N, C-alpha and C. Protein backbone atom coordinates (compact mmCIF):
# COMPACT_ATOMS: atom_id res chain seq x y z
N MET A 1 105.30 106.24 69.19
CA MET A 1 104.88 105.09 70.01
C MET A 1 103.39 105.15 70.26
N LYS A 2 102.69 104.14 69.87
CA LYS A 2 101.23 104.13 70.01
C LYS A 2 100.85 103.72 71.42
N THR A 3 99.99 104.50 72.04
CA THR A 3 99.54 104.20 73.40
C THR A 3 98.03 104.23 73.45
N LYS A 4 97.50 103.62 74.50
CA LYS A 4 96.06 103.63 74.73
C LYS A 4 95.71 104.83 75.58
N HIS A 5 94.49 105.30 75.47
CA HIS A 5 94.06 106.42 76.29
C HIS A 5 93.89 105.97 77.72
N PRO A 6 94.11 106.87 78.70
CA PRO A 6 93.91 106.51 80.10
C PRO A 6 92.52 105.96 80.35
N THR A 7 92.44 104.96 81.20
CA THR A 7 91.18 104.33 81.51
C THR A 7 90.47 105.08 82.62
N SER A 8 89.18 105.26 82.49
CA SER A 8 88.42 105.97 83.52
C SER A 8 88.40 105.19 84.81
N ASP A 9 88.54 105.89 85.94
CA ASP A 9 88.50 105.25 87.24
C ASP A 9 87.11 104.74 87.60
N ARG A 10 86.10 105.15 86.85
CA ARG A 10 84.73 104.85 87.24
C ARG A 10 84.16 103.63 86.51
N THR A 11 84.95 102.99 85.64
CA THR A 11 84.44 101.85 84.90
C THR A 11 84.73 100.56 85.65
N MET A 12 83.69 99.74 85.79
CA MET A 12 83.82 98.40 86.33
C MET A 12 84.55 98.37 87.68
N ARG A 13 84.22 99.28 88.56
CA ARG A 13 84.89 99.32 89.85
C ARG A 13 84.25 98.33 90.81
N SER A 14 85.10 97.62 91.57
CA SER A 14 84.65 96.75 92.64
C SER A 14 84.78 97.52 93.95
N LYS A 15 84.31 96.95 95.04
CA LYS A 15 84.48 97.61 96.32
C LYS A 15 84.69 96.59 97.42
N LEU A 16 85.41 97.02 98.45
CA LEU A 16 85.62 96.23 99.65
C LEU A 16 85.14 97.06 100.83
N ASP A 17 84.08 96.61 101.48
CA ASP A 17 83.53 97.31 102.64
C ASP A 17 84.11 96.70 103.90
N VAL A 18 84.60 97.56 104.79
CA VAL A 18 85.31 97.11 105.99
C VAL A 18 84.66 97.69 107.24
N VAL A 19 84.49 96.85 108.25
CA VAL A 19 84.15 97.31 109.60
C VAL A 19 85.46 97.33 110.38
N LEU A 20 85.78 98.47 110.99
CA LEU A 20 87.08 98.66 111.64
C LEU A 20 86.89 98.92 113.13
N LYS A 21 87.58 98.14 113.97
CA LYS A 21 87.56 98.35 115.42
C LYS A 21 89.00 98.44 115.92
N CYS A 22 89.25 99.43 116.79
CA CYS A 22 90.60 99.67 117.29
C CYS A 22 90.61 99.84 118.80
N ASP A 23 91.84 99.84 119.34
CA ASP A 23 92.00 99.95 120.79
C ASP A 23 91.95 101.38 121.30
N SER A 24 92.12 102.36 120.42
CA SER A 24 92.14 103.76 120.85
C SER A 24 91.74 104.67 119.70
N ILE A 25 91.37 105.90 120.04
CA ILE A 25 91.03 106.89 119.02
C ILE A 25 92.23 107.18 118.12
N GLY A 26 93.43 107.25 118.72
CA GLY A 26 94.62 107.52 117.94
C GLY A 26 94.86 106.46 116.87
N SER A 27 94.75 105.20 117.26
CA SER A 27 94.93 104.10 116.30
C SER A 27 93.85 104.16 115.22
N LEU A 28 92.63 104.42 115.65
CA LEU A 28 91.51 104.48 114.71
C LEU A 28 91.73 105.56 113.66
N GLU A 29 92.16 106.74 114.10
CA GLU A 29 92.39 107.84 113.16
C GLU A 29 93.52 107.52 112.20
N ALA A 30 94.61 106.92 112.71
CA ALA A 30 95.75 106.61 111.85
C ALA A 30 95.40 105.57 110.79
N ILE A 31 94.69 104.52 111.19
CA ILE A 31 94.34 103.45 110.25
C ILE A 31 93.29 103.93 109.27
N THR A 32 92.32 104.71 109.74
CA THR A 32 91.31 105.26 108.85
C THR A 32 91.96 106.12 107.77
N ALA A 33 92.92 106.95 108.17
CA ALA A 33 93.62 107.80 107.20
C ALA A 33 94.38 106.95 106.18
N SER A 34 95.06 105.90 106.65
CA SER A 34 95.84 105.05 105.74
C SER A 34 94.95 104.34 104.72
N LEU A 35 93.82 103.82 105.19
CA LEU A 35 92.91 103.11 104.29
C LEU A 35 92.20 104.07 103.34
N SER A 36 91.87 105.26 103.82
CA SER A 36 91.19 106.24 102.98
C SER A 36 92.08 106.73 101.85
N GLU A 37 93.40 106.79 102.11
CA GLU A 37 94.34 107.28 101.10
C GLU A 37 94.82 106.19 100.16
N MET A 38 94.46 104.94 100.44
CA MET A 38 94.94 103.83 99.62
C MET A 38 94.33 103.89 98.23
N THR A 39 95.18 103.86 97.21
CA THR A 39 94.73 103.91 95.82
C THR A 39 94.95 102.56 95.17
N LEU A 40 93.86 101.99 94.65
CA LEU A 40 93.94 100.71 93.98
C LEU A 40 93.18 100.78 92.66
N PRO A 41 93.65 100.06 91.63
CA PRO A 41 92.94 100.08 90.36
C PRO A 41 91.59 99.38 90.45
N GLU A 42 90.54 100.09 90.13
CA GLU A 42 89.20 99.51 89.98
C GLU A 42 88.62 98.95 91.26
N VAL A 43 89.18 99.30 92.42
CA VAL A 43 88.62 98.84 93.69
C VAL A 43 88.55 100.01 94.67
N ASP A 44 87.40 100.21 95.28
CA ASP A 44 87.24 101.22 96.32
C ASP A 44 87.19 100.54 97.67
N ILE A 45 87.95 101.05 98.64
CA ILE A 45 87.91 100.54 100.01
C ILE A 45 87.07 101.49 100.84
N ASN A 46 85.97 100.98 101.40
CA ASN A 46 85.04 101.81 102.16
C ASN A 46 84.98 101.32 103.60
N ILE A 47 85.21 102.21 104.54
CA ILE A 47 85.01 101.89 105.95
C ILE A 47 83.55 102.21 106.27
N ILE A 48 82.72 101.17 106.40
CA ILE A 48 81.29 101.40 106.59
C ILE A 48 80.93 101.63 108.06
N HIS A 49 81.83 101.25 108.95
CA HIS A 49 81.62 101.51 110.39
C HIS A 49 82.96 101.39 111.09
N SER A 50 83.20 102.26 112.06
CA SER A 50 84.44 102.18 112.84
C SER A 50 84.14 102.56 114.28
N GLY A 51 84.98 102.07 115.17
CA GLY A 51 84.79 102.39 116.58
C GLY A 51 85.92 101.85 117.43
N VAL A 52 85.87 102.16 118.71
CA VAL A 52 86.87 101.72 119.68
C VAL A 52 86.25 100.67 120.59
N GLY A 53 86.99 99.58 120.82
CA GLY A 53 86.52 98.56 121.74
C GLY A 53 86.42 97.19 121.11
N TYR A 54 85.88 96.25 121.89
CA TYR A 54 85.75 94.86 121.44
C TYR A 54 84.90 94.76 120.16
N ILE A 55 85.18 93.70 119.40
CA ILE A 55 84.35 93.38 118.24
C ILE A 55 83.11 92.65 118.75
N ALA A 56 81.94 93.21 118.44
CA ALA A 56 80.69 92.73 119.04
C ALA A 56 79.72 92.24 117.97
N LYS A 57 78.56 91.75 118.45
CA LYS A 57 77.54 91.22 117.55
C LYS A 57 77.04 92.30 116.59
N SER A 58 76.96 93.54 117.05
CA SER A 58 76.51 94.63 116.18
C SER A 58 77.46 94.82 115.00
N ASP A 59 78.76 94.62 115.23
CA ASP A 59 79.73 94.72 114.15
C ASP A 59 79.52 93.61 113.12
N LEU A 60 79.24 92.41 113.62
CA LEU A 60 78.96 91.27 112.75
C LEU A 60 77.77 91.57 111.85
N LEU A 61 76.70 92.11 112.42
CA LEU A 61 75.49 92.38 111.65
C LEU A 61 75.73 93.42 110.57
N LEU A 62 76.54 94.43 110.88
CA LEU A 62 76.87 95.43 109.87
C LEU A 62 77.72 94.82 108.75
N ALA A 63 78.71 94.02 109.13
CA ALA A 63 79.59 93.42 108.14
C ALA A 63 78.82 92.46 107.23
N GLU A 64 77.83 91.78 107.79
CA GLU A 64 77.06 90.80 107.02
C GLU A 64 76.32 91.46 105.86
N THR A 65 75.97 92.72 106.00
CA THR A 65 75.23 93.41 104.93
C THR A 65 76.16 93.90 103.82
N ALA A 66 77.47 93.76 104.00
CA ALA A 66 78.43 94.29 103.03
C ALA A 66 79.40 93.19 102.59
N SER A 67 80.71 93.42 102.76
CA SER A 67 81.72 92.47 102.27
C SER A 67 82.05 91.37 103.27
N ARG A 68 81.43 91.43 104.47
CA ARG A 68 81.61 90.42 105.51
C ARG A 68 83.06 90.34 106.00
N LEU A 69 83.66 91.54 106.19
CA LEU A 69 85.02 91.62 106.71
C LEU A 69 85.08 92.60 107.87
N ILE A 70 85.58 92.13 109.02
CA ILE A 70 85.82 92.99 110.18
C ILE A 70 87.32 92.99 110.43
N VAL A 71 87.90 94.18 110.54
CA VAL A 71 89.33 94.33 110.80
C VAL A 71 89.50 94.96 112.17
N GLY A 72 90.32 94.33 113.01
CA GLY A 72 90.56 94.85 114.35
C GLY A 72 92.04 95.13 114.58
N PHE A 73 92.31 96.18 115.36
CA PHE A 73 93.69 96.50 115.71
C PHE A 73 93.83 96.50 117.23
N GLN A 74 94.61 95.53 117.74
CA GLN A 74 94.87 95.38 119.17
C GLN A 74 93.57 95.32 119.99
N VAL A 75 92.58 94.65 119.43
CA VAL A 75 91.33 94.39 120.15
C VAL A 75 91.01 92.90 119.99
N ASP A 76 90.00 92.43 120.69
CA ASP A 76 89.61 91.04 120.56
C ASP A 76 88.11 90.96 120.32
N VAL A 77 87.63 89.74 120.12
CA VAL A 77 86.22 89.48 119.86
C VAL A 77 85.55 89.11 121.18
N LEU A 78 84.36 89.63 121.40
CA LEU A 78 83.62 89.26 122.60
C LEU A 78 83.39 87.75 122.64
N PRO A 79 83.44 87.14 123.80
CA PRO A 79 83.26 85.68 123.92
C PRO A 79 81.93 85.22 123.32
N GLY A 80 81.96 84.00 122.76
CA GLY A 80 80.73 83.39 122.27
C GLY A 80 80.33 83.75 120.86
N MET A 81 81.21 84.46 120.13
CA MET A 81 80.83 84.89 118.78
C MET A 81 81.32 83.96 117.67
N ASP A 82 82.14 82.98 118.03
CA ASP A 82 82.72 82.10 117.01
C ASP A 82 81.66 81.43 116.15
N LYS A 83 80.63 80.91 116.78
CA LYS A 83 79.58 80.19 116.04
C LYS A 83 78.83 81.13 115.11
N ALA A 84 78.49 82.32 115.61
CA ALA A 84 77.75 83.28 114.79
C ALA A 84 78.57 83.73 113.59
N LEU A 85 79.87 83.90 113.78
CA LEU A 85 80.72 84.30 112.67
C LEU A 85 80.72 83.24 111.57
N LYS A 86 80.79 81.98 111.97
CA LYS A 86 80.77 80.89 110.99
C LYS A 86 79.43 80.81 110.29
N GLU A 87 78.35 80.97 111.05
CA GLU A 87 77.01 80.88 110.45
C GLU A 87 76.78 81.99 109.43
N HIS A 88 77.29 83.18 109.73
CA HIS A 88 77.06 84.32 108.84
C HIS A 88 78.22 84.52 107.86
N ARG A 89 79.23 83.68 107.94
CA ARG A 89 80.42 83.76 107.08
C ARG A 89 81.01 85.17 107.09
N VAL A 90 81.21 85.69 108.29
CA VAL A 90 81.89 86.97 108.47
C VAL A 90 83.29 86.69 108.99
N GLU A 91 84.28 87.20 108.31
CA GLU A 91 85.67 86.96 108.70
C GLU A 91 86.18 88.12 109.56
N VAL A 92 86.88 87.78 110.64
CA VAL A 92 87.50 88.77 111.51
C VAL A 92 89.01 88.63 111.39
N ARG A 93 89.69 89.74 111.16
CA ARG A 93 91.15 89.75 111.11
C ARG A 93 91.65 90.75 112.16
N ILE A 94 92.51 90.26 113.06
CA ILE A 94 93.00 91.08 114.17
C ILE A 94 94.51 91.24 114.05
N TYR A 95 94.98 92.48 114.20
CA TYR A 95 96.40 92.80 113.98
C TYR A 95 96.98 93.56 115.18
N ASN A 96 98.31 93.48 115.29
CA ASN A 96 99.05 94.25 116.29
C ASN A 96 99.99 95.27 115.65
N VAL A 97 100.13 95.22 114.32
CA VAL A 97 101.01 96.14 113.59
C VAL A 97 100.19 96.80 112.49
N ILE A 98 100.20 98.12 112.45
CA ILE A 98 99.37 98.85 111.47
C ILE A 98 99.80 98.51 110.05
N TYR A 99 101.11 98.43 109.80
CA TYR A 99 101.57 98.14 108.44
C TYR A 99 101.04 96.79 107.95
N THR A 100 101.05 95.78 108.81
CA THR A 100 100.54 94.47 108.42
C THR A 100 99.06 94.55 108.10
N LEU A 101 98.32 95.31 108.90
CA LEU A 101 96.88 95.47 108.67
C LEU A 101 96.64 96.10 107.30
N THR A 102 97.30 97.22 107.02
CA THR A 102 97.04 97.91 105.76
C THR A 102 97.51 97.08 104.56
N ALA A 103 98.62 96.36 104.72
CA ALA A 103 99.12 95.51 103.62
C ALA A 103 98.13 94.40 103.32
N ASP A 104 97.55 93.81 104.36
CA ASP A 104 96.58 92.73 104.15
C ASP A 104 95.31 93.25 103.48
N VAL A 105 94.83 94.41 103.93
CA VAL A 105 93.62 94.97 103.33
C VAL A 105 93.89 95.29 101.85
N ARG A 106 95.08 95.82 101.56
CA ARG A 106 95.44 96.09 100.16
C ARG A 106 95.43 94.80 99.34
N ALA A 107 95.99 93.72 99.91
CA ALA A 107 96.04 92.45 99.19
C ALA A 107 94.65 91.88 98.95
N ILE A 108 93.78 91.98 99.96
CA ILE A 108 92.41 91.49 99.80
C ILE A 108 91.69 92.28 98.72
N ALA A 109 91.81 93.62 98.79
CA ALA A 109 91.17 94.45 97.78
C ALA A 109 91.74 94.17 96.39
N GLY A 110 93.06 93.98 96.33
CA GLY A 110 93.68 93.71 95.05
C GLY A 110 93.20 92.42 94.41
N SER A 111 92.84 91.44 95.23
CA SER A 111 92.34 90.17 94.68
C SER A 111 90.97 90.33 94.03
N LEU A 112 90.29 91.45 94.31
CA LEU A 112 88.96 91.69 93.75
C LEU A 112 89.02 92.42 92.41
N VAL A 113 90.24 92.84 91.99
CA VAL A 113 90.38 93.54 90.71
C VAL A 113 90.13 92.55 89.57
N PRO A 114 89.23 92.89 88.66
CA PRO A 114 89.00 91.99 87.52
C PRO A 114 90.28 91.83 86.70
N ALA A 115 90.52 90.62 86.23
CA ALA A 115 91.71 90.37 85.41
C ALA A 115 91.57 91.08 84.06
N VAL A 116 92.68 91.61 83.55
CA VAL A 116 92.68 92.22 82.23
C VAL A 116 93.76 91.54 81.40
N SER A 117 93.51 91.41 80.11
CA SER A 117 94.44 90.69 79.24
C SER A 117 95.42 91.61 78.55
N MET A 118 95.17 92.94 78.63
CA MET A 118 96.05 93.89 77.96
C MET A 118 96.53 94.95 78.95
N GLU A 119 97.70 95.50 78.66
CA GLU A 119 98.19 96.61 79.45
C GLU A 119 97.26 97.82 79.28
N GLN A 120 97.08 98.58 80.35
CA GLN A 120 96.24 99.78 80.30
C GLN A 120 97.03 100.98 80.78
N ILE A 121 97.00 102.05 79.99
CA ILE A 121 97.67 103.29 80.38
C ILE A 121 96.73 104.04 81.33
N ILE A 122 97.25 104.40 82.51
CA ILE A 122 96.44 105.07 83.53
C ILE A 122 96.64 106.58 83.48
N GLY A 123 97.86 107.02 83.21
CA GLY A 123 98.13 108.46 83.18
C GLY A 123 99.41 108.76 82.45
N SER A 124 99.58 110.02 82.09
CA SER A 124 100.82 110.43 81.43
C SER A 124 101.20 111.82 81.90
N ALA A 125 102.49 112.10 81.85
CA ALA A 125 103.01 113.39 82.29
C ALA A 125 104.27 113.71 81.47
N ARG A 126 104.68 114.98 81.52
CA ARG A 126 105.89 115.41 80.82
C ARG A 126 106.91 115.88 81.83
N VAL A 127 108.16 115.47 81.65
CA VAL A 127 109.24 115.89 82.55
C VAL A 127 109.57 117.35 82.26
N ILE A 128 109.45 118.21 83.27
CA ILE A 128 109.72 119.64 83.09
C ILE A 128 110.90 120.12 83.94
N ALA A 129 111.39 119.28 84.86
CA ALA A 129 112.52 119.68 85.71
C ALA A 129 113.18 118.44 86.27
N LEU A 130 114.47 118.58 86.62
CA LEU A 130 115.23 117.47 87.20
C LEU A 130 115.95 117.98 88.44
N PHE A 131 115.92 117.17 89.52
CA PHE A 131 116.58 117.56 90.77
C PHE A 131 117.42 116.40 91.26
N LYS A 132 118.58 116.71 91.80
CA LYS A 132 119.45 115.67 92.34
C LYS A 132 118.85 115.12 93.63
N SER A 133 118.83 113.79 93.73
CA SER A 133 118.27 113.14 94.91
C SER A 133 119.34 112.39 95.70
N SER A 134 120.12 111.57 95.01
CA SER A 134 121.19 110.79 95.64
C SER A 134 122.26 110.53 94.59
N ARG A 135 123.30 109.83 94.97
CA ARG A 135 124.40 109.56 94.03
C ARG A 135 123.91 108.83 92.79
N LYS A 136 122.93 107.95 92.96
CA LYS A 136 122.44 107.15 91.84
C LYS A 136 121.04 107.55 91.39
N GLY A 137 120.41 108.48 92.09
CA GLY A 137 119.02 108.76 91.76
C GLY A 137 118.73 110.24 91.56
N ILE A 138 117.51 110.52 91.11
CA ILE A 138 117.05 111.87 90.87
C ILE A 138 115.58 111.99 91.28
N ILE A 139 115.11 113.23 91.30
CA ILE A 139 113.68 113.52 91.39
C ILE A 139 113.28 114.17 90.08
N ILE A 140 112.32 113.58 89.40
CA ILE A 140 111.86 114.17 88.15
C ILE A 140 110.62 115.01 88.44
N GLY A 141 110.67 116.26 88.03
CA GLY A 141 109.50 117.13 88.16
C GLY A 141 108.64 116.98 86.93
N CYS A 142 107.37 116.63 87.12
CA CYS A 142 106.48 116.32 86.01
C CYS A 142 105.23 117.20 86.04
N GLU A 143 104.70 117.47 84.88
CA GLU A 143 103.37 118.08 84.76
C GLU A 143 102.44 117.02 84.21
N VAL A 144 101.42 116.65 84.99
CA VAL A 144 100.48 115.60 84.58
C VAL A 144 99.58 116.15 83.48
N SER A 145 99.46 115.38 82.40
CA SER A 145 98.65 115.83 81.27
C SER A 145 97.36 115.03 81.09
N ASP A 146 97.39 113.73 81.41
CA ASP A 146 96.21 112.88 81.24
C ASP A 146 96.13 111.88 82.39
N GLY A 147 94.91 111.47 82.74
CA GLY A 147 94.73 110.45 83.77
C GLY A 147 95.31 110.90 85.10
N HIS A 148 96.11 110.04 85.72
CA HIS A 148 96.74 110.40 86.99
C HIS A 148 97.97 109.54 87.25
N LEU A 149 98.83 110.03 88.13
CA LEU A 149 99.93 109.26 88.69
C LEU A 149 99.60 109.00 90.14
N ALA A 150 99.86 107.80 90.64
CA ALA A 150 99.51 107.47 92.02
C ALA A 150 100.52 106.52 92.62
N ILE A 151 100.66 106.59 93.94
CA ILE A 151 101.54 105.68 94.68
C ILE A 151 101.15 104.23 94.37
N GLY A 152 102.17 103.40 94.13
CA GLY A 152 101.93 101.97 93.90
C GLY A 152 101.74 101.59 92.45
N GLN A 153 101.58 102.58 91.56
CA GLN A 153 101.39 102.27 90.15
C GLN A 153 102.73 101.93 89.47
N HIS A 154 102.63 101.08 88.46
CA HIS A 154 103.77 100.87 87.57
C HIS A 154 103.93 102.13 86.71
N PHE A 155 105.18 102.48 86.41
CA PHE A 155 105.40 103.62 85.52
C PHE A 155 106.66 103.39 84.71
N ARG A 156 106.78 104.17 83.63
CA ARG A 156 107.98 104.12 82.81
C ARG A 156 108.30 105.52 82.31
N ILE A 157 109.57 105.72 81.98
CA ILE A 157 110.02 106.97 81.38
C ILE A 157 110.33 106.68 79.92
N ILE A 158 109.79 107.51 79.04
CA ILE A 158 109.95 107.30 77.61
C ILE A 158 110.69 108.49 77.02
N SER A 159 111.84 108.22 76.41
CA SER A 159 112.61 109.27 75.74
C SER A 159 112.27 109.25 74.25
N ALA A 160 112.97 110.07 73.48
CA ALA A 160 112.75 110.10 72.04
C ALA A 160 113.08 108.76 71.38
N MET A 161 113.93 107.97 72.03
CA MET A 161 114.33 106.67 71.48
C MET A 161 113.46 105.53 71.98
N GLY A 162 112.53 105.81 72.91
CA GLY A 162 111.67 104.77 73.46
C GLY A 162 111.82 104.67 74.97
N PRO A 163 111.22 103.64 75.59
CA PRO A 163 111.29 103.49 77.04
C PRO A 163 112.73 103.33 77.53
N VAL A 164 113.10 104.05 78.60
CA VAL A 164 114.45 103.97 79.14
C VAL A 164 114.48 103.53 80.60
N TYR A 165 113.32 103.48 81.24
CA TYR A 165 113.26 103.08 82.65
C TYR A 165 111.84 102.66 82.99
N SER A 166 111.72 101.68 83.89
CA SER A 166 110.40 101.30 84.42
C SER A 166 110.54 100.92 85.88
N GLY A 167 109.50 101.16 86.65
CA GLY A 167 109.53 100.85 88.07
C GLY A 167 108.16 101.05 88.70
N ILE A 168 108.15 101.20 90.01
CA ILE A 168 106.92 101.43 90.77
C ILE A 168 107.00 102.80 91.41
N ILE A 169 105.91 103.56 91.36
CA ILE A 169 105.89 104.88 91.99
C ILE A 169 105.83 104.68 93.50
N GLU A 170 106.89 105.07 94.19
CA GLU A 170 106.97 104.87 95.64
C GLU A 170 106.72 106.15 96.43
N SER A 171 106.89 107.31 95.80
CA SER A 171 106.61 108.57 96.48
C SER A 171 106.26 109.64 95.47
N LEU A 172 105.36 110.53 95.88
CA LEU A 172 104.97 111.68 95.07
C LEU A 172 104.95 112.91 95.98
N HIS A 173 105.45 114.02 95.48
CA HIS A 173 105.43 115.26 96.25
C HIS A 173 104.96 116.42 95.38
N ILE A 174 104.02 117.17 95.89
CA ILE A 174 103.62 118.43 95.28
C ILE A 174 104.14 119.52 96.20
N GLU A 175 105.11 120.30 95.68
CA GLU A 175 105.88 121.22 96.50
C GLU A 175 106.54 120.42 97.62
N GLU A 176 106.28 120.75 98.89
CA GLU A 176 106.91 120.03 99.99
C GLU A 176 106.01 118.94 100.57
N ASN A 177 104.84 118.75 99.99
CA ASN A 177 103.84 117.86 100.58
C ASN A 177 103.81 116.50 99.89
N ALA A 178 103.89 115.44 100.69
CA ALA A 178 103.72 114.09 100.15
C ALA A 178 102.26 113.88 99.80
N VAL A 179 102.00 113.33 98.62
CA VAL A 179 100.63 113.08 98.17
C VAL A 179 100.51 111.64 97.68
N GLN A 180 99.29 111.17 97.59
CA GLN A 180 99.03 109.83 97.09
C GLN A 180 98.77 109.82 95.59
N LYS A 181 98.35 110.96 95.06
CA LYS A 181 97.88 110.98 93.67
C LYS A 181 98.08 112.38 93.08
N ALA A 182 98.38 112.45 91.79
CA ALA A 182 98.49 113.72 91.08
C ALA A 182 97.64 113.66 89.81
N THR A 183 96.92 114.71 89.52
CA THR A 183 95.97 114.75 88.41
C THR A 183 96.35 115.83 87.39
N PRO A 184 95.67 115.87 86.24
CA PRO A 184 96.06 116.79 85.17
C PRO A 184 96.22 118.24 85.63
N GLY A 185 97.31 118.86 85.17
CA GLY A 185 97.62 120.24 85.51
C GLY A 185 98.51 120.39 86.72
N GLN A 186 98.62 119.35 87.55
CA GLN A 186 99.45 119.44 88.74
C GLN A 186 100.91 119.15 88.41
N HIS A 187 101.80 119.85 89.13
CA HIS A 187 103.24 119.61 89.02
C HIS A 187 103.65 118.73 90.20
N VAL A 188 104.26 117.61 89.92
CA VAL A 188 104.56 116.64 90.97
C VAL A 188 105.97 116.11 90.80
N GLY A 189 106.63 115.84 91.92
CA GLY A 189 107.96 115.25 91.90
C GLY A 189 107.90 113.75 92.13
N VAL A 190 108.59 112.98 91.29
CA VAL A 190 108.66 111.52 91.41
C VAL A 190 110.11 111.15 91.69
N LYS A 191 110.34 110.53 92.84
CA LYS A 191 111.70 110.18 93.23
C LYS A 191 112.09 108.82 92.65
N ILE A 192 113.28 108.77 92.03
CA ILE A 192 113.81 107.53 91.46
C ILE A 192 115.20 107.31 92.03
N GLU A 193 115.38 106.21 92.75
CA GLU A 193 116.63 105.98 93.47
C GLU A 193 117.74 105.39 92.62
N ASP A 194 117.40 104.69 91.52
CA ASP A 194 118.41 103.92 90.80
C ASP A 194 118.54 104.31 89.33
N PHE A 195 118.21 105.56 89.01
CA PHE A 195 118.25 106.00 87.62
C PHE A 195 118.41 107.51 87.58
N LYS A 196 119.27 108.02 86.69
CA LYS A 196 119.45 109.48 86.62
C LYS A 196 119.63 109.98 85.20
N LYS A 197 119.14 109.21 84.22
CA LYS A 197 119.33 109.60 82.82
C LYS A 197 118.09 110.21 82.19
N ALA A 198 117.08 110.53 82.98
CA ALA A 198 115.90 111.19 82.43
C ALA A 198 116.29 112.57 81.91
N ARG A 199 115.52 113.06 80.94
CA ARG A 199 115.78 114.36 80.35
C ARG A 199 114.48 115.18 80.31
N ILE A 200 114.64 116.50 80.37
CA ILE A 200 113.47 117.36 80.24
C ILE A 200 112.83 117.11 78.87
N GLY A 201 111.51 116.95 78.88
CA GLY A 201 110.78 116.62 77.65
C GLY A 201 110.41 115.16 77.55
N ASP A 202 111.06 114.29 78.36
CA ASP A 202 110.67 112.88 78.37
C ASP A 202 109.22 112.74 78.85
N VAL A 203 108.62 111.63 78.48
CA VAL A 203 107.24 111.32 78.89
C VAL A 203 107.26 110.30 80.01
N VAL A 204 106.40 110.50 81.00
CA VAL A 204 106.22 109.53 82.08
C VAL A 204 104.83 108.93 81.92
N GLU A 205 104.76 107.62 81.86
CA GLU A 205 103.47 106.93 81.77
C GLU A 205 103.27 106.05 83.00
N SER A 206 102.09 106.15 83.62
CA SER A 206 101.72 105.16 84.63
C SER A 206 100.80 104.16 83.94
N PHE A 207 100.96 102.90 84.29
CA PHE A 207 100.19 101.89 83.56
C PHE A 207 99.86 100.70 84.45
N ARG A 208 98.88 99.97 84.02
CA ARG A 208 98.48 98.74 84.69
C ARG A 208 98.88 97.57 83.82
N PRO A 209 99.80 96.71 84.28
CA PRO A 209 100.22 95.58 83.45
C PRO A 209 99.10 94.55 83.35
N PRO A 210 99.18 93.65 82.38
CA PRO A 210 98.18 92.58 82.30
C PRO A 210 98.13 91.80 83.61
N LEU A 211 96.94 91.47 84.05
CA LEU A 211 96.76 90.76 85.31
C LEU A 211 96.36 89.31 85.05
N LYS A 212 96.99 88.41 85.77
CA LYS A 212 96.57 87.03 85.74
C LYS A 212 95.32 86.88 86.61
N LYS A 213 94.43 86.03 86.21
CA LYS A 213 93.22 85.82 86.97
C LYS A 213 93.56 85.11 88.28
N ALA A 214 93.39 85.81 89.38
CA ALA A 214 93.66 85.24 90.69
C ALA A 214 92.35 84.95 91.41
N ARG A 215 92.39 84.01 92.33
CA ARG A 215 91.19 83.69 93.07
C ARG A 215 90.87 84.83 94.03
N PRO A 216 89.69 85.43 93.89
CA PRO A 216 89.37 86.57 94.77
C PRO A 216 89.17 86.12 96.21
N TRP A 217 89.43 87.05 97.13
CA TRP A 217 89.22 86.77 98.54
C TRP A 217 87.76 86.47 98.82
N GLU A 218 87.53 85.52 99.69
CA GLU A 218 86.18 85.20 100.17
C GLU A 218 86.24 85.03 101.68
N PRO A 219 85.26 85.56 102.40
CA PRO A 219 85.26 85.45 103.87
C PRO A 219 85.13 84.00 104.31
N THR A 220 85.87 83.64 105.35
CA THR A 220 85.90 82.25 105.83
C THR A 220 85.01 81.99 107.03
N GLY A 221 84.59 83.06 107.70
CA GLY A 221 83.83 82.88 108.94
C GLY A 221 84.72 82.60 110.13
N GLU A 222 86.03 82.82 110.00
CA GLU A 222 86.98 82.53 111.06
C GLU A 222 87.53 83.80 111.68
N ILE A 223 88.20 83.64 112.82
CA ILE A 223 88.94 84.73 113.45
C ILE A 223 90.41 84.49 113.17
N ILE A 224 91.03 85.40 112.46
CA ILE A 224 92.43 85.27 112.05
C ILE A 224 93.25 86.32 112.78
N ARG A 225 94.25 85.88 113.54
CA ARG A 225 95.09 86.80 114.29
C ARG A 225 96.48 86.86 113.68
N LYS A 226 96.99 88.06 113.44
CA LYS A 226 98.30 88.22 112.80
C LYS A 226 99.18 89.15 113.61
């Protein structure tokens, strides 16, 4: 089976710069960790400033120099900033649920990924062990050989007869530790809930399917509450 070589993470990367404001240090640390661990193809998410308290004019000025996005968690905007936000086209998004916040940031960043017309192989690994997970599923122990495997990536299992399974990587574990990404030489477990026919020696490929050209996110200058 002919495959393409893994694509370098450093080619044609876009970025989303975020100003983050939260109601407490605990929330700030949790959201910062979630965004820092987020893996997306060809897009880097950078928190250029973070803090606790109201969203203020200083936050607007910082956001204006970057992607013009301010994300808030259980905080509000100081009075009188609506006009300035529109003038500078800085968008504010305020959330009460961390999962909704991180999902939205992922979606915004994902819209910035350049469209590709062909499938791209991101990483490959070899199945070296099998572990029972559930009545219908297994955990495949893999040794990564090229590129990387990461949470959220499409992947497939390839046997001697060809592809036998495809899905999305939902969890990765190195020993007992949950990880976001595994690189060459690392042994990692991939949990599959609805398939148990993998065999030792099978190949695991992570890949990026062809992307349709979507309209990228653009700041509106509004305050959006979710």
